[in-house]
PDB file of N, CA and C in Angstrom:
ATOM      1  N   MET A   1     -19.134   6.144  34.985  1.00  0.00           N
ATOM      2  CA  MET A   1     -19.238   6.193  33.732  1.00  0.00           C
ATOM      3  C   MET A   1     -20.759   6.639  33.630  1.00  0.00           C
ATOM      4  N   PHE A   2     -22.176   6.438  34.414  1.00  0.00           N
ATOM      5  CA  PHE A   2     -22.878   6.401  34.468  1.00  0.00           C
ATOM      6  C   PHE A   2     -22.781   8.087  34.874  1.00  0.00           C
ATOM      7  N   LYS A   3     -21.583   8.593  35.808  1.00  0.00           N
ATOM      8  CA  LYS A   3     -22.148   9.833  36.631  1.00  0.00           C
ATOM      9  C   LYS A   3     -21.500  11.315  35.567  1.00  0.00           C
ATOM     10  N   VAL A   4     -20.489  10.252  34.993  1.00  0.00           N
ATOM     11  CA  VAL A   4     -20.461  10.894  33.801  1.00  0.00           C
ATOM     12  C   VAL A   4     -21.232  11.464  32.783  1.00  0.00           C
ATOM     13  N   LEU A   5     -22.446  10.296  32.282  1.00  0.00           N
ATOM     14  CA  LEU A   5     -23.414  10.787  31.669  1.00  0.00           C
ATOM     15  C   LEU A   5     -24.518  11.096  32.251  1.00  0.00           C
ATOM     16  N   GLY A   6     -24.788  10.994  33.630  1.00  0.00           N
ATOM     17  CA  GLY A   6     -25.957  11.887  33.914  1.00  0.00           C
ATOM     18  C   GLY A   6     -25.612  13.390  34.032  1.00  0.00           C
ATOM     19  N   LYS A   7     -24.389  13.121  34.367  1.00  0.00           N
ATOM     20  CA  LYS A   7     -23.852  14.561  34.540  1.00  0.00           C
ATOM     21  C   LYS A   7     -24.704  15.336  33.297  1.00  0.00           C
ATOM     22  N   PHE A   8     -23.522  14.655  32.442  1.00  0.00           N
ATOM     23  CA  PHE A   8     -23.960  15.728  31.441  1.00  0.00           C
ATOM     24  C   PHE A   8     -25.570  15.815  30.486  1.00  0.00           C
ATOM     25  N   VAL A   9     -25.745  14.891  30.825  1.00  0.00           N
ATOM     26  CA  VAL A   9     -27.939  15.003  29.675  1.00  0.00           C
ATOM     27  C   VAL A   9     -28.284  16.010  31.164  1.00  0.00           C
ATOM     28  N   ALA A  10     -27.742  15.690  32.622  1.00  0.00           N
ATOM     29  CA  ALA A  10     -28.134  16.980  33.335  1.00  0.00           C
ATOM     30  C   ALA A  10     -27.928  18.216  32.905  1.00  0.00           C
ATOM     31  N   LYS A  11     -26.777  18.590  32.818  1.00  0.00           N
ATOM     32  CA  LYS A  11     -26.428  19.809  32.495  1.00  0.00           C
ATOM     33  C   LYS A  11     -26.974  20.185  31.328  1.00  0.00           C
ATOM     34  N   ALA A  12     -27.374  19.631  29.840  1.00  0.00           N
ATOM     35  CA  ALA A  12     -27.875  19.716  28.913  1.00  0.00           C
ATOM     36  C   ALA A  12     -29.265  20.027  29.072  1.00  0.00           C
ATOM     37  N   LEU A  13     -30.087  18.818  30.086  1.00  0.00           N
ATOM     38  CA  LEU A  13     -31.664  19.883  30.026  1.00  0.00           C
ATOM     39  C   LEU A  13     -31.568  20.938  30.581  1.00  0.00           C
ATOM     40  N   LEU A  14     -30.352  21.819  31.891  1.00  0.00           N
ATOM     41  CA  LEU A  14     -30.742  22.628  32.300  1.00  0.00           C
ATOM     42  C   LEU A  14     -30.367  23.780  31.102  1.00  0.00           C
ATOM     43  N   ASP A  15     -29.844  23.533  30.436  1.00  0.00           N
ATOM     44  CA  ASP A  15     -29.566  24.748  29.050  1.00  0.00           C
ATOM     45  C   ASP A  15     -30.571  24.448  27.769  1.00  0.00           C
ATOM     46  N   PHE A  16     -31.252  23.560  27.845  1.00  0.00           N
ATOM     47  CA  PHE A  16     -32.297  23.441  26.631  1.00  0.00           C
ATOM     48  C   PHE A  16     -31.878  23.296  26.054  1.00  0.00           C
ATOM     49  N   ARG A  17     -30.890  22.291  26.404  1.00  0.00           N
ATOM     50  CA  ARG A  17     -30.026  21.669  24.617  1.00  0.00           C
ATOM     51  C   ARG A  17     -30.332  20.470  23.883  1.00  0.00           C
ATOM     52  N   ILE A  18     -30.448  19.985  23.233  1.00  0.00           N
ATOM     53  CA  ILE A  18     -31.085  18.597  22.278  1.00  0.00           C
ATOM     54  C   ILE A  18     -29.949  17.893  22.185  1.00  0.00           C
ATOM     55  N   LEU A  19     -30.315  17.076  23.248  1.00  0.00           N
ATOM     56  CA  LEU A  19     -29.165  15.624  22.909  1.00  0.00           C
ATOM     57  C   LEU A  19     -29.681  14.688  21.964  1.00  0.00           C
ATOM     58  N   ASP A  20     -29.110  14.291  20.821  1.00  0.00           N
ATOM     59  CA  ASP A  20     -29.332  13.689  19.573  1.00  0.00           C
ATOM     60  C   ASP A  20     -28.393  11.747  20.670  1.00  0.00           C
ATOM     61  N   LEU A  21     -29.388  11.054  21.453  1.00  0.00           N
ATOM     62  CA  LEU A  21     -28.867   9.687  22.141  1.00  0.00           C
ATOM     63  C   LEU A  21     -29.786   9.188  22.102  1.00  0.00           C
ATOM     64  N   PRO A  22     -29.107   7.474  21.835  1.00  0.00           N
ATOM     65  CA  PRO A  22     -31.158   6.587  21.632  1.00  0.00           C
ATOM     66  C   PRO A  22     -30.975   6.090  22.624  1.00  0.00           C
ATOM     67  N   LEU A  23     -31.567   6.915  23.085  1.00  0.00           N
ATOM     68  CA  LEU A  23     -32.315   6.346  24.357  1.00  0.00           C
ATOM     69  C   LEU A  23     -33.992   5.831  24.100  1.00  0.00           C
ATOM     70  N   ASN A  24     -33.710   4.714  24.879  1.00  0.00           N
ATOM     71  CA  ASN A  24     -35.055   3.366  25.214  1.00  0.00           C
ATOM     72  C   ASN A  24     -36.416   4.744  25.333  1.00  0.00           C
ATOM     73  N   ASN A  25     -37.775   4.124  25.062  1.00  0.00           N
ATOM     74  CA  ASN A  25     -38.996   4.993  24.833  1.00  0.00           C
ATOM     75  C   ASN A  25     -39.003   4.436  26.619  1.00  0.00           C
ATOM     76  N   VAL A  26     -38.517   3.619  26.980  1.00  0.00           N
ATOM     77  CA  VAL A  26     -39.161   3.114  28.075  1.00  0.00           C
ATOM     78  C   VAL A  26     -39.243   3.816  29.365  1.00  0.00           C
ATOM     79  N   PHE A  27     -37.169   4.447  28.579  1.00  0.00           N
ATOM     80  CA  PHE A  27     -36.663   5.016  29.807  1.00  0.00           C
ATOM     81  C   PHE A  27     -37.308   6.649  29.882  1.00  0.00           C
ATOM     82  N   LEU A  28     -37.488   6.763  28.489  1.00  0.00           N
ATOM     83  CA  LEU A  28     -37.945   7.732  28.605  1.00  0.00           C
ATOM     84  C   LEU A  28     -39.028   9.195  29.429  1.00  0.00           C
ATOM     85  N   THR A  29     -40.528   7.849  29.095  1.00  0.00           N
ATOM     86  CA  THR A  29     -41.272   8.275  29.961  1.00  0.00           C
ATOM     87  C   THR A  29     -41.722   7.911  31.147  1.00  0.00           C
ATOM     88  N   TRP A  30     -40.456   7.268  31.623  1.00  0.00           N
ATOM     89  CA  TRP A  30     -40.264   6.988  33.441  1.00  0.00           C
ATOM     90  C   TRP A  30     -38.977   8.367  33.783  1.00  0.00           C
ATOM     91  N   ILE A  31     -38.823   9.130  33.109  1.00  0.00           N
ATOM     92  CA  ILE A  31     -37.916  10.089  33.553  1.00  0.00           C
ATOM     93  C   ILE A  31     -39.284  11.575  33.214  1.00  0.00           C
ATOM     94  N   LEU A  32     -39.500  11.538  31.896  1.00  0.00           N
ATOM     95  CA  LEU A  32     -40.066  12.861  32.151  1.00  0.00           C
ATOM     96  C   LEU A  32     -41.695  12.240  32.874  1.00  0.00           C
ATOM     97  N   LYS A  33     -42.336  11.274  33.804  1.00  0.00           N
ATOM     98  CA  LYS A  33     -43.038  11.012  34.884  1.00  0.00           C
ATOM     99  C   LYS A  33     -44.561  11.096  33.650  1.00  0.00           C
ATOM    100  N   GLN A  34     -44.256  10.475  32.607  1.00  0.00           N
ATOM    101  CA  GLN A  34     -45.793   9.937  32.833  1.00  0.00           C
ATOM    102  C   GLN A  34     -45.440   8.391  32.567  1.00  0.00           C
ATOM    103  N   GLU A  35     -44.889   8.166  33.305  1.00  0.00           N
ATOM    104  CA  GLU A  35     -45.589   6.719  33.309  1.00  0.00           C
ATOM    105  C   GLU A  35     -44.840   6.294  35.606  1.00  0.00           C
ATOM    106  N   SER A  36     -45.803   5.420  35.806  1.00  0.00           N
ATOM    107  CA  SER A  36     -45.397   5.601  37.311  1.00  0.00           C
ATOM    108  C   SER A  36     -44.160   4.231  37.583  1.00  0.00           C
ATOM    109  N   SER A  37     -44.592   3.559  37.213  1.00  0.00           N
ATOM    110  CA  SER A  37     -43.972   2.151  37.914  1.00  0.00           C
ATOM    111  C   SER A  37     -43.447   1.516  35.863  1.00  0.00           C
ATOM    112  N   LEU A  38     -43.215   0.819  35.853  1.00  0.00           N
ATOM    113  CA  LEU A  38     -42.873  -0.219  35.310  1.00  0.00           C
ATOM    114  C   LEU A  38     -43.635  -1.611  34.579  1.00  0.00           C
ATOM    115  N   THR A  39     -44.490  -1.563  33.409  1.00  0.00           N
ATOM    116  CA  THR A  39     -45.358  -2.837  33.746  1.00  0.00           C
ATOM    117  C   THR A  39     -45.281  -3.963  32.561  1.00  0.00           C
ATOM    118  N   ALA A  40     -46.207  -4.552  32.024  1.00  0.00           N
ATOM    119  CA  ALA A  40     -45.300  -5.938  31.904  1.00  0.00           C
ATOM    120  C   ALA A  40     -45.292  -5.784  30.131  1.00  0.00           C
ATOM    121  N   LYS A  41     -45.113  -4.418  29.509  1.00  0.00           N
ATOM    122  CA  LYS A  41     -45.747  -4.359  28.163  1.00  0.00           C
ATOM    123  C   LYS A  41     -44.040  -4.069  28.048  1.00  0.00           C
ATOM    124  N   ASN A  42     -43.410  -2.518  28.738  1.00  0.00           N
ATOM    125  CA  ASN A  42     -42.194  -2.200  29.082  1.00  0.00           C
ATOM    126  C   ASN A  42     -40.984  -3.245  29.305  1.00  0.00           C
ATOM    127  N   ILE A  43     -41.087  -3.914  30.335  1.00  0.00           N
ATOM    128  CA  ILE A  43     -40.289  -4.788  31.031  1.00  0.00           C
ATOM    129  C   ILE A  43     -39.732  -5.874  29.116  1.00  0.00           C
ATOM    130  N   ALA A  44     -40.970  -6.072  28.506  1.00  0.00           N
ATOM    131  CA  ALA A  44     -40.784  -6.854  27.562  1.00  0.00           C
ATOM    132  C   ALA A  44     -40.551  -6.416  26.313  1.00  0.00           C
ATOM    133  N   VAL A  45     -40.941  -5.311  25.829  1.00  0.00           N
ATOM    134  CA  VAL A  45     -39.981  -4.015  25.101  1.00  0.00           C
ATOM    135  C   VAL A  45     -38.483  -3.795  25.215  1.00  0.00           C
ATOM    136  N   ILE A  46     -37.896  -3.726  26.508  1.00  0.00           N
ATOM    137  CA  ILE A  46     -36.810  -3.509  27.479  1.00  0.00           C
ATOM    138  C   ILE A  46     -35.956  -4.817  26.626  1.00  0.00           C
ATOM    139  N   PHE A  47     -36.708  -6.051  27.235  1.00  0.00           N
ATOM    140  CA  PHE A  47     -35.799  -7.628  26.634  1.00  0.00           C
ATOM    141  C   PHE A  47     -35.862  -7.533  24.979  1.00  0.00           C
ATOM    142  N   PHE A  48     -36.423  -7.234  24.881  1.00  0.00           N
ATOM    143  CA  PHE A  48     -36.535  -7.476  23.165  1.00  0.00           C
ATOM    144  C   PHE A  48     -35.576  -6.909  23.072  1.00  0.00           C
ATOM    145  N   PHE A  49     -35.489  -5.344  23.322  1.00  0.00           N
ATOM    146  CA  PHE A  49     -33.758  -4.497  22.388  1.00  0.00           C
ATOM    147  C   PHE A  49     -32.710  -4.960  23.348  1.00  0.00           C
ATOM    148  N   LEU A  50     -32.901  -4.946  24.541  1.00  0.00           N
ATOM    149  CA  LEU A  50     -31.476  -5.713  25.577  1.00  0.00           C
ATOM    150  C   LEU A  50     -31.324  -7.319  24.207  1.00  0.00           C
ATOM    151  N   PHE A  51     -32.780  -8.111  23.854  1.00  0.00           N
ATOM    152  CA  PHE A  51     -31.621  -9.212  23.813  1.00  0.00           C
ATOM    153  C   PHE A  51     -31.387  -8.960  22.299  1.00  0.00           C
ATOM    154  N   PHE A  52     -32.006  -7.774  20.885  1.00  0.00           N
ATOM    155  CA  PHE A  52     -32.017  -7.835  19.953  1.00  0.00           C
ATOM    156  C   PHE A  52     -30.113  -7.371  19.410  1.00  0.00           C
ATOM    157  N   SER A  53     -29.824  -6.425  20.535  1.00  0.00           N
ATOM    158  CA  SER A  53     -28.762  -5.769  20.988  1.00  0.00           C
ATOM    159  C   SER A  53     -27.211  -6.631  21.091  1.00  0.00           C
ATOM    160  N   PHE A  54     -27.949  -7.514  22.326  1.00  0.00           N
ATOM    161  CA  PHE A  54     -26.751  -9.085  22.310  1.00  0.00           C
ATOM    162  C   PHE A  54     -26.872 -10.018  21.050  1.00  0.00           C
ATOM    163  N   PHE A  55     -27.787 -10.404  20.246  1.00  0.00           N
ATOM    164  CA  PHE A  55     -27.774 -10.708  19.402  1.00  0.00           C
ATOM    165  C   PHE A  55     -27.037 -10.215  17.895  1.00  0.00           C
ATOM    166  N   LEU A  56     -27.139  -8.975  17.538  1.00  0.00           N
ATOM    167  CA  LEU A  56     -26.420  -8.342  16.860  1.00  0.00           C
ATOM    168  C   LEU A  56     -24.959  -8.388  16.995  1.00  0.00           C
ATOM    169  N   PHE A  57     -24.426  -7.950  18.359  1.00  0.00           N
ATOM    170  CA  PHE A  57     -23.233  -8.476  19.026  1.00  0.00           C
ATOM    171  C   PHE A  57     -22.205  -9.327  18.764  1.00  0.00           C
ATOM    172  N   PHE A  58     -23.080 -10.116  19.208  1.00  0.00           N
ATOM    173  CA  PHE A  58     -22.586 -11.882  18.913  1.00  0.00           C
ATOM    174  C   PHE A  58     -22.837 -12.228  17.616  1.00  0.00           C
ATOM    175  N   LEU A  59     -23.527 -11.789  16.668  1.00  0.00           N
ATOM    176  CA  LEU A  59     -23.144 -11.914  15.384  1.00  0.00           C
ATOM    177  C   LEU A  59     -22.309 -11.317  14.751  1.00  0.00           C
ATOM    178  N   ILE A  60     -21.599  -9.492  15.070  1.00  0.00           N
ATOM    179  CA  ILE A  60     -20.997  -9.359  15.037  1.00  0.00           C
ATOM    180  C   ILE A  60     -19.179 -10.161  15.738  1.00  0.00           C
ATOM    181  N   LEU A  61     -18.861 -10.451  16.533  1.00  0.00           N
ATOM    182  CA  LEU A  61     -18.143 -10.789  16.854  1.00  0.00           C
ATOM    183  C   LEU A  61     -18.106 -12.485  15.944  1.00  0.00           C
ATOM    184  N   ILE A  62     -18.809 -12.997  15.205  1.00  0.00           N
ATOM    185  CA  ILE A  62     -19.036 -13.784  14.561  1.00  0.00           C
ATOM    186  C   ILE A  62     -18.467 -14.019  13.651  1.00  0.00           C
ATOM    187  N   LEU A  63     -18.996 -12.966  12.629  1.00  0.00           N
ATOM    188  CA  LEU A  63     -18.022 -12.923  11.603  1.00  0.00           C
ATOM    189  C   LEU A  63     -16.824 -11.809  11.522  1.00  0.00           C
ATOM    190  N   ILE A  64     -16.778 -11.207  12.836  1.00  0.00           N
ATOM    191  CA  ILE A  64     -15.212 -10.894  13.348  1.00  0.00           C
ATOM    192  C   ILE A  64     -14.440 -12.074  13.495  1.00  0.00           C
ATOM    193  N   LEU A  65     -14.403 -13.067  14.324  1.00  0.00           N
ATOM    194  CA  LEU A  65     -14.004 -14.441  14.343  1.00  0.00           C
ATOM    195  C   LEU A  65     -13.692 -14.531  13.116  1.00  0.00           C
ATOM    196  N   ILE A  66     -14.253 -15.182  12.357  1.00  0.00           N
ATOM    197  CA  ILE A  66     -14.890 -16.503  10.915  1.00  0.00           C
ATOM    198  C   ILE A  66     -13.888 -15.570   9.826  1.00  0.00           C
ATOM    199  N   LEU A  67     -13.044 -13.914   9.824  1.00  0.00           N
ATOM    200  CA  LEU A  67     -12.401 -13.036   8.600  1.00  0.00           C
ATOM    201  C   LEU A  67     -11.133 -13.156   9.506  1.00  0.00           C
ATOM    202  N   ILE A  68     -11.361 -13.022  10.953  1.00  0.00           N
ATOM    203  CA  ILE A  68      -9.790 -13.728  11.732  1.00  0.00           C
ATOM    204  C   ILE A  68      -8.951 -14.956  10.724  1.00  0.00           C
ATOM    205  N   LEU A  69     -10.546 -16.055  11.454  1.00  0.00           N
ATOM    206  CA  LEU A  69      -9.623 -17.390  10.770  1.00  0.00           C
ATOM    207  C   LEU A  69      -9.551 -17.693   9.209  1.00  0.00           C
ATOM    208  N   PHE A  70      -9.742 -16.691   8.798  1.00  0.00           N
ATOM    209  CA  PHE A  70     -10.197 -17.159   7.358  1.00  0.00           C
ATOM    210  C   PHE A  70      -8.779 -15.929   6.684  1.00  0.00           C
ATOM    211  N   PHE A  71      -8.077 -15.057   7.535  1.00  0.00           N
ATOM    212  CA  PHE A  71      -6.535 -14.809   7.082  1.00  0.00           C
ATOM    213  C   PHE A  71      -5.365 -15.428   7.326  1.00  0.00           C
ATOM    214  N   LEU A  72      -6.268 -15.875   8.668  1.00  0.00           N
ATOM    215  CA  LEU A  72      -4.951 -17.184   9.145  1.00  0.00           C
ATOM    216  C   LEU A  72      -4.588 -18.021   8.405  1.00  0.00           C
ATOM    217  N   ILE A  73      -6.113 -18.952   8.292  1.00  0.00           N
ATOM    218  CA  ILE A  73      -5.511 -19.436   7.051  1.00  0.00           C
ATOM    219  C   ILE A  73      -4.731 -19.704   5.804  1.00  0.00           C
ATOM    220  N   LEU A  74      -5.698 -18.837   4.940  1.00  0.00           N
ATOM    221  CA  LEU A  74      -4.989 -18.138   3.970  1.00  0.00           C
ATOM    222  C   LEU A  74      -3.132 -17.682   4.338  1.00  0.00           C
ATOM    223  N   ILE A  75      -2.748 -17.476   5.326  1.00  0.00           N
ATOM    224  CA  ILE A  75      -0.966 -16.848   6.001  1.00  0.00           C
ATOM    225  C   ILE A  75      -0.724 -18.184   5.711  1.00  0.00           C
ATOM    226  N   PHE A  76      -1.042 -19.582   6.508  1.00  0.00           N
ATOM    227  CA  PHE A  76       0.214 -20.521   6.971  1.00  0.00           C
ATOM    228  C   PHE A  76      -0.544 -21.294   5.708  1.00  0.00           C
ATOM    229  N   MET A  77      -1.595 -21.057   5.143  1.00  0.00           N
ATOM    230  CA  MET A  77      -1.573 -22.238   3.706  1.00  0.00           C
ATOM    231  C   MET A  77      -0.408 -22.277   2.617  1.00  0.00           C
ATOM    232  N   LYS A  78       0.276 -21.198   2.620  1.00  0.00           N
ATOM    233  CA  LYS A  78       1.986 -21.150   2.236  1.00  0.00           C
ATOM    234  C   LYS A  78       2.332 -23.025   2.488  1.00  0.00           C
ATOM    235  N   ASP A  79       2.374 -22.607   4.095  1.00  0.00           N
ATOM    236  CA  ASP A  79       3.250 -23.598   4.613  1.00  0.00           C
ATOM    237  C   ASP A  79       2.719 -25.017   4.182  1.00  0.00           C
ATOM    238  N   ILE A  80       1.510 -25.162   4.321  1.00  0.00           N
ATOM    239  CA  ILE A  80       1.292 -26.574   4.786  1.00  0.00           C
ATOM    240  C   ILE A  80       0.837 -26.656   3.319  1.00  0.00           C
ATOM    241  N   GLU A  81       0.294 -25.777   2.451  1.00  0.00           N
ATOM    242  CA  GLU A  81      -0.520 -26.841   0.875  1.00  0.00           C
ATOM    243  C   GLU A  81       0.415 -25.889  -0.126  1.00  0.00           C
ATOM    244  N   PRO A  82       1.045 -25.715  -0.490  1.00  0.00           N
ATOM    245  CA  PRO A  82       1.749 -24.538  -1.746  1.00  0.00           C
ATOM    246  C   PRO A  82       1.450 -24.768  -3.063  1.00  0.00           C
ATOM    247  N   THR A  83       1.199 -25.843  -3.197  1.00  0.00           N
ATOM    248  CA  THR A  83       0.260 -25.644  -4.603  1.00  0.00           C
ATOM    249  C   THR A  83      -0.754 -24.969  -4.158  1.00  0.00           C
ATOM    250  N   LEU A  84      -2.454 -25.140  -3.655  1.00  0.00           N
ATOM    251  CA  LEU A  84      -3.412 -24.246  -3.723  1.00  0.00           C
ATOM    252  C   LEU A  84      -3.092 -22.960  -3.113  1.00  0.00           C
ATOM    253  N   ALA A  85      -2.041 -23.030  -1.781  1.00  0.00           N
ATOM    254  CA  ALA A  85      -2.169 -21.787  -1.815  1.00  0.00           C
ATOM    255  C   ALA A  85      -1.728 -21.065  -3.494  1.00  0.00           C
ATOM    256  N   ASN A  86      -0.704 -20.823  -3.808  1.00  0.00           N
ATOM    257  CA  ASN A  86      -0.635 -20.464  -4.999  1.00  0.00           C
ATOM    258  C   ASN A  86      -1.722 -20.538  -6.307  1.00  0.00           C
ATOM    259  N   THR A  87      -3.002 -21.382  -6.265  1.00  0.00           N
ATOM    260  CA  THR A  87      -3.825 -21.458  -6.749  1.00  0.00           C
ATOM    261  C   THR A  87      -4.879 -20.236  -6.642  1.00  0.00           C
ATOM    262  N   ILE A  88      -4.589 -20.264  -5.225  1.00  0.00           N
ATOM    263  CA  ILE A  88      -5.766 -19.483  -4.738  1.00  0.00           C
ATOM    264  C   ILE A  88      -5.058 -17.976  -4.896  1.00  0.00           C
ATOM    265  N   PHE A  89      -3.804 -18.160  -4.980  1.00  0.00           N
ATOM    266  CA  PHE A  89      -3.601 -16.762  -5.214  1.00  0.00           C
ATOM    267  C   PHE A  89      -3.626 -15.631  -6.969  1.00  0.00           C
ATOM    268  N   ASP A  90      -3.120 -16.676  -7.026  1.00  0.00           N
ATOM    269  CA  ASP A  90      -3.452 -16.398  -8.686  1.00  0.00           C
ATOM    270  C   ASP A  90      -4.548 -16.449  -9.046  1.00  0.00           C
ATOM    271  N   LEU A  91      -5.473 -17.081  -8.519  1.00  0.00           N
ATOM    272  CA  LEU A  91      -7.265 -16.962  -8.034  1.00  0.00           C
ATOM    273  C   LEU A  91      -7.215 -15.399  -8.130  1.00  0.00           C
ATOM    274  N   GLU A  92      -7.111 -14.969  -6.895  1.00  0.00           N
ATOM    275  CA  GLU A  92      -6.907 -13.327  -6.420  1.00  0.00           C
ATOM    276  C   GLU A  92      -7.287 -12.618  -7.425  1.00  0.00           C
ATOM    277  N   ALA A  93      -5.523 -13.345  -7.962  1.00  0.00           N
ATOM    278  CA  ALA A  93      -4.796 -11.698  -9.307  1.00  0.00           C
ATOM    279  C   ALA A  93      -5.696 -11.430 -10.339  1.00  0.00           C
ATOM    280  N   LEU A  94      -6.491 -12.776 -10.695  1.00  0.00           N
ATOM    281  CA  LEU A  94      -7.464 -13.031 -11.966  1.00  0.00           C
ATOM    282  C   LEU A  94      -8.198 -11.822 -11.716  1.00  0.00           C
ATOM    283  N   CYS A  95      -9.184 -12.030 -10.623  1.00  0.00           N
ATOM    284  CA  CYS A  95      -9.915 -11.271  -9.576  1.00  0.00           C
ATOM    285  C   CYS A  95     -10.028  -9.985  -9.732  1.00  0.00           C
ATOM    286  N   THR A  96      -8.913  -9.265  -9.096  1.00  0.00           N
ATOM    287  CA  THR A  96      -8.307  -7.944  -9.066  1.00  0.00           C
ATOM    288  C   THR A  96      -7.828  -8.054 -10.504  1.00  0.00           C
ATOM    289  N   GLU A  97      -7.957  -8.121 -11.234  1.00  0.00           N
ATOM    290  CA  GLU A  97      -7.825  -7.637 -13.037  1.00  0.00           C
ATOM    291  C   GLU A  97      -8.716  -7.854 -13.647  1.00  0.00           C
ATOM    292  N   LYS A  98      -9.195  -8.806 -13.353  1.00  0.00           N
ATOM    293  CA  LYS A  98     -10.768  -8.557 -13.810  1.00  0.00           C
ATOM    294  C   LYS A  98     -11.609  -7.506 -13.316  1.00  0.00           C
ATOM    295  N   ARG A  99     -11.776  -7.026 -11.690  1.00  0.00           N
ATOM    296  CA  ARG A  99     -12.451  -6.318 -11.087  1.00  0.00           C
ATOM    297  C   ARG A  99     -11.620  -4.710 -11.789  1.00  0.00           C
ATOM    298  N   LYS A 100     -10.314  -4.609 -12.235  1.00  0.00           N
ATOM    299  CA  LYS A 100      -9.539  -3.009 -12.737  1.00  0.00           C
ATOM    300  C   LYS A 100     -10.499  -2.941 -14.298  1.00  0.00           C
ATOM    301  N   ILE A 101     -10.062  -4.221 -15.491  1.00  0.00           N
ATOM    302  CA  ILE A 101     -11.115  -3.882 -16.730  1.00  0.00           C
ATOM    303  C   ILE A 101     -12.137  -3.340 -16.834  1.00  0.00           C
ATOM    304  N   LEU A 102     -13.071  -3.922 -15.704  1.00  0.00           N
ATOM    305  CA  LEU A 102     -14.696  -4.291 -15.233  1.00  0.00           C
ATOM    306  C   LEU A 102     -14.616  -1.939 -14.841  1.00  0.00           C
ATOM    307  N   ASP A 103     -13.977  -1.660 -14.145  1.00  0.00           N
ATOM    308  CA  ASP A 103     -14.329  -0.831 -13.592  1.00  0.00           C
ATOM    309  C   ASP A 103     -13.373   0.198 -14.550  1.00  0.00           C
ATOM    310  N   ASP A 104     -12.489   0.327 -15.801  1.00  0.00           N
ATOM    311  CA  ASP A 104     -11.594   1.548 -16.262  1.00  0.00           C
ATOM    312  C   ASP A 104     -12.845   1.532 -17.333  1.00  0.00           C
ATOM    313  N   LYS A 105     -13.394   2.553 -17.104  1.00  0.00           N
ATOM    314  CA  LYS A 105     -14.129   3.299 -17.740  1.00  0.00           C
ATOM    315  C   LYS A 105     -14.272   3.945 -19.860  1.00  0.00           C
ATOM    316  N   SER A 106     -12.169   3.843 -19.825  1.00  0.00           N
ATOM    317  CA  SER A 106     -12.036   4.266 -21.295  1.00  0.00           C
ATOM    318  C   SER A 106     -12.353   2.437 -22.236  1.00  0.00           C
ATOM    319  N   LEU A 107     -12.456   1.414 -21.146  1.00  0.00           N
ATOM    320  CA  LEU A 107     -12.358   0.352 -22.075  1.00  0.00           C
ATOM    321  C   LEU A 107     -13.897  -0.353 -22.607  1.00  0.00           C
ATOM    322  N   VAL A 108     -15.079   0.679 -21.967  1.00  0.00           N
ATOM    323  CA  VAL A 108     -16.906   0.087 -22.475  1.00  0.00           C
ATOM    324  C   VAL A 108     -16.769   0.478 -23.814  1.00  0.00           C
ATOM    325  N   PHE A 109     -15.951   1.481 -25.027  1.00  0.00           N
ATOM    326  CA  PHE A 109     -16.979   1.503 -25.782  1.00  0.00           C
ATOM    327  C   PHE A 109     -15.724   0.291 -26.794  1.00  0.00           C
ATOM    328  N   LEU A 110     -14.791   0.307 -25.924  1.00  0.00           N
ATOM    329  CA  LEU A 110     -14.178  -0.948 -26.983  1.00  0.00           C
ATOM    330  C   LEU A 110     -14.762  -2.829 -26.889  1.00  0.00           C
ATOM    331  N   HIS A 111     -15.875  -2.781 -25.424  1.00  0.00           N
ATOM    332  CA  HIS A 111     -16.813  -3.870 -25.778  1.00  0.00           C
ATOM    333  C   HIS A 111     -17.953  -3.872 -27.126  1.00  0.00           C
ATOM    334  N   PHE A 112     -18.111  -2.629 -27.232  1.00  0.00           N
ATOM    335  CA  PHE A 112     -19.593  -2.521 -27.856  1.00  0.00           C
ATOM    336  C   PHE A 112     -19.313  -1.827 -30.032  1.00  0.00           C
ATOM    337  N   PHE A 113     -18.269  -1.337 -29.441  1.00  0.00           N
ATOM    338  CA  PHE A 113     -17.795  -1.469 -31.049  1.00  0.00           C
ATOM    339  C   PHE A 113     -16.206  -2.357 -31.764  1.00  0.00           C
ATOM    340  N   SER A 114     -15.921  -3.432 -30.709  1.00  0.00           N
ATOM    341  CA  SER A 114     -14.941  -3.358 -31.517  1.00  0.00           C
ATOM    342  C   SER A 114     -15.437  -4.180 -32.852  1.00  0.00           C
ATOM    343  N   PRO A 115     -14.606  -4.628 -33.883  1.00  0.00           N
ATOM    344  CA  PRO A 115     -15.014  -5.696 -34.972  1.00  0.00           C
ATOM    345  C   PRO A 115     -15.337  -6.304 -34.253  1.00  0.00           C
ATOM    346  N   PRO A 116     -16.115  -7.334 -35.110  1.00  0.00           N
ATOM    347  CA  PRO A 116     -16.482  -9.521 -35.055  1.00  0.00           C
ATOM    348  C   PRO A 116     -14.853  -9.820 -34.954  1.00  0.00           C
ATOM    349  N   LEU A 117     -14.529 -10.756 -34.536  1.00  0.00           N
ATOM    350  CA  LEU A 117     -14.152 -11.697 -34.297  1.00  0.00           C
ATOM    351  C   LEU A 117     -13.538 -13.067 -35.902  1.00  0.00           C
ATOM    352  N   SER A 118     -12.588 -12.879 -36.277  1.00  0.00           N
ATOM    353  CA  SER A 118     -13.236 -13.565 -37.606  1.00  0.00           C
ATOM    354  C   SER A 118     -13.300 -15.194 -37.513  1.00  0.00           C
ATOM    355  N   SER A 119     -13.707 -16.055 -38.103  1.00  0.00           N
ATOM    356  CA  SER A 119     -14.111 -17.509 -37.783  1.00  0.00           C
ATOM    357  C   SER A 119     -13.110 -18.231 -38.788  1.00  0.00           C
ATOM    358  N   ASN A 120     -11.868 -17.945 -38.370  1.00  0.00           N
ATOM    359  CA  ASN A 120     -10.336 -18.225 -39.755  1.00  0.00           C
ATOM    360  C   ASN A 120     -10.211 -19.557 -38.636  1.00  0.00           C
TER     361      ASN A 120
END
């Protein structure tokens, strides 16, 4: 993979093409020979970006696993507790109906110009 990426970047550099690659600034300064060695600041920057990338990766992974677990619970809830499952499905249907009513632009004027309810 790194050979292919290296050849791709090398050919783009030879052709004077601009690549929109999100490369690290430490890597770019080392490639452009503006720095000859890594300093403690460069290592700290690399460590920060690696830590942040792994943190985001694991956060997204945990959120995906929670969503999968939630959907599995909803799927199997009908077998475990039918009354609670029916209540949740009815609540979900009410929420979708409410969303349809709120999103319907033709019903906006009915709210403002409807006659007041009689208090008989």
